[in-house]
Amino acid sequence: MRKRKSFIITIVLVVLVGVGWYAYSQYKSTTLAATDLLENVDFNDKDSLIEATSSKSLETAKIPEETQKELLKAFENAKFKELKDNEVIHPDYEIKITAHGRYGLFVDTSNKFVYVDDSEKKYLMADDNGFFDILKNATK
């Protein structure tokens, strides 16, 4: 009886570890980094900057240099998932990133959607790394 119980527990543990490994590998393979979205971007470029223009007022926010660096670092470390074409995005901001090139983005802060103008693809920011909080505070 004791051997049978140990055998069953071992089988259950092996199955749980297998399911966990599968779920982790699926999550890992479906998330993208910012460097996957923006071709040839170099966030370490010392002249990197970020601009945010409100879609409602069409005013470009004056973002201090230190906050720009925080925004760039948060965006660089964020994780993304590609969205299907039928997902609707209602952008709050147009974001321009200059980092060894110029990149245009449209951002929906309520749904955490990002539209990359160059590739014409939509993404969900699965882990925003504080990007939206910093953006909201910077554009008040």
Protein backbone atom coordinates (compact mmCIF):
# COMPACT_ATOMS: atom_id res chain seq x y z
CA MET A 1 0.00 0.00 0.00
CA ARG A 2 2.81 2.39 0.90
CA LYS A 3 4.68 1.71 -2.38
CA ARG A 4 1.52 2.31 -4.36
CA LYS A 5 0.90 5.65 -2.63
CA SER A 6 4.51 6.77 -3.31
CA PHE A 7 4.16 5.72 -6.95
CA ILE A 8 0.95 7.76 -7.38
CA ILE A 9 2.50 10.82 -5.70
CA THR A 10 5.54 10.53 -7.98
CA ILE A 11 3.35 10.34 -11.08
CA VAL A 12 1.30 13.37 -9.98
CA LEU A 13 4.48 15.39 -9.32
CA VAL A 14 5.94 14.47 -12.70
CA VAL A 15 2.71 15.54 -14.43
CA LEU A 16 2.59 18.83 -12.50
CA VAL A 17 6.21 19.63 -13.34
CA GLY A 18 5.54 18.79 -17.01
CA VAL A 19 2.48 21.05 -17.16
CA GLY A 20 4.39 23.85 -15.44
CA TRP A 21 7.32 23.51 -17.84
CA TYR A 22 4.97 23.54 -20.83
CA ALA A 23 3.14 26.66 -19.59
CA TYR A 24 6.44 28.45 -18.94
CA SER A 25 7.81 27.59 -22.38
CA GLN A 26 4.59 28.81 -24.04
CA TYR A 27 4.75 32.11 -22.14
CA LYS A 28 8.44 32.54 -22.85
CA SER A 29 8.08 31.87 -26.58
CA THR A 30 5.13 34.18 -27.12
CA THR A 31 6.51 37.28 -25.42
CA LEU A 32 8.58 39.76 -27.37
CA ALA A 33 11.12 42.35 -26.30
CA ALA A 34 11.19 45.98 -27.44
CA THR A 35 14.14 45.16 -29.69
CA ASP A 36 11.88 42.67 -31.52
CA LEU A 37 9.36 45.44 -32.23
CA LEU A 38 11.72 48.22 -33.30
CA GLU A 39 14.25 47.28 -35.95
CA ASN A 40 17.87 48.32 -35.20
CA VAL A 41 16.91 50.24 -32.06
CA ASP A 42 19.77 51.06 -29.68
CA PHE A 43 18.49 52.15 -26.29
CA ASN A 44 22.08 52.71 -25.12
CA ASP A 45 22.56 55.56 -27.60
CA LYS A 46 23.48 58.60 -25.48
CA ASP A 47 21.32 60.86 -27.66
CA SER A 48 18.16 58.77 -27.16
CA LEU A 49 14.98 60.68 -26.49
CA ILE A 50 11.25 60.15 -26.34
CA GLU A 51 8.39 62.52 -27.21
CA ALA A 52 4.73 62.10 -26.37
CA THR A 53 1.91 63.93 -28.15
CA SER A 54 -1.62 63.68 -26.81
CA SER A 55 -4.14 62.44 -29.38
CA LYS A 56 -6.84 64.62 -27.80
CA SER A 57 -5.11 67.99 -27.56
CA LEU A 58 -2.34 67.39 -30.13
CA GLU A 59 0.10 69.02 -27.71
CA THR A 60 3.58 67.57 -27.27
CA ALA A 61 4.37 67.08 -23.60
CA LYS A 62 7.53 68.62 -22.21
CA ILE A 63 9.16 65.59 -20.61
CA PRO A 64 12.28 66.22 -18.50
CA GLU A 65 15.44 64.40 -19.63
CA GLU A 66 15.57 62.18 -16.53
CA THR A 67 11.95 61.10 -17.05
CA GLN A 68 12.70 60.40 -20.72
CA LYS A 69 15.47 58.05 -19.63
CA GLU A 70 13.05 56.31 -17.22
CA LEU A 71 10.47 55.95 -20.01
CA LEU A 72 13.04 54.56 -22.43
CA LYS A 73 14.35 52.08 -19.82
CA ALA A 74 10.82 50.96 -18.96
CA PHE A 75 9.97 50.49 -22.64
CA GLU A 76 13.23 48.64 -23.27
CA ASN A 77 12.51 46.19 -20.43
CA ALA A 78 8.80 45.73 -21.24
CA LYS A 79 7.42 42.47 -22.65
CA PHE A 80 4.96 42.39 -25.53
CA LYS A 81 2.50 40.00 -27.14
CA GLU A 82 1.37 40.41 -30.74
CA LEU A 83 -2.34 41.16 -31.20
CA LYS A 84 -4.62 39.93 -33.96
CA ASP A 85 -5.59 42.34 -36.71
CA ASN A 86 -9.20 42.55 -35.52
CA GLU A 87 -8.19 44.15 -32.19
CA VAL A 88 -9.21 47.81 -32.13
CA ILE A 89 -6.79 50.35 -30.72
CA HIS A 90 -7.83 53.80 -29.52
CA PRO A 91 -4.56 55.68 -29.06
CA ASP A 92 -4.14 58.25 -26.33
CA TYR A 93 -0.62 59.24 -27.34
CA GLU A 94 1.66 59.31 -30.31
CA ILE A 95 5.13 58.36 -29.08
CA LYS A 96 8.29 59.13 -31.03
CA ILE A 97 11.43 57.34 -29.91
CA THR A 98 14.79 58.45 -31.22
CA ALA A 99 17.40 55.81 -30.41
CA HIS A 100 19.78 55.14 -33.31
CA GLY A 101 16.82 55.76 -35.59
CA ARG A 102 13.34 57.26 -35.32
CA TYR A 103 10.37 55.10 -34.38
CA GLY A 104 6.69 56.05 -34.29
CA LEU A 105 4.24 54.38 -31.91
CA PHE A 106 0.61 54.92 -31.01
CA VAL A 107 -0.26 53.99 -27.44
CA ASP A 108 -3.63 53.06 -25.90
CA THR A 109 -2.99 53.51 -22.17
CA SER A 110 -6.28 52.02 -20.96
CA ASN A 111 -5.79 48.70 -22.76
CA LYS A 112 -1.96 48.78 -22.79
CA PHE A 113 -1.89 48.46 -26.57
CA VAL A 114 0.98 49.66 -28.73
CA TYR A 115 0.80 50.15 -32.48
CA VAL A 116 4.18 50.26 -34.23
CA ASP A 117 3.93 52.57 -37.23
CA ASP A 118 6.87 51.08 -39.19
CA SER A 119 5.65 47.47 -39.11
CA GLU A 120 1.92 48.34 -38.87
CA LYS A 121 1.50 45.73 -36.10
CA LYS A 122 -0.34 45.91 -32.80
CA TYR A 123 0.97 44.59 -29.50
CA LEU A 124 -0.24 44.18 -25.95
CA MET A 125 2.28 45.29 -23.37
CA ALA A 126 2.11 42.14 -21.21
CA ASP A 127 4.60 43.52 -18.68
CA ASP A 128 4.80 47.29 -18.98
CA ASN A 129 7.59 47.63 -16.40
CA GLY A 130 5.96 50.86 -15.15
CA PHE A 131 5.94 52.50 -18.61
CA PHE A 132 2.29 53.63 -18.51
CA ASP A 133 2.54 55.02 -14.97
CA ILE A 134 5.64 57.02 -15.89
CA LEU A 135 3.96 58.24 -19.10
CA LYS A 136 0.80 59.35 -17.29
CA ASN A 137 2.79 61.22 -14.65
CA ALA A 138 5.05 62.83 -17.26
CA THR A 139 2.17 64.12 -19.37
CA LYS A 140 -0.01 65.62 -16.62
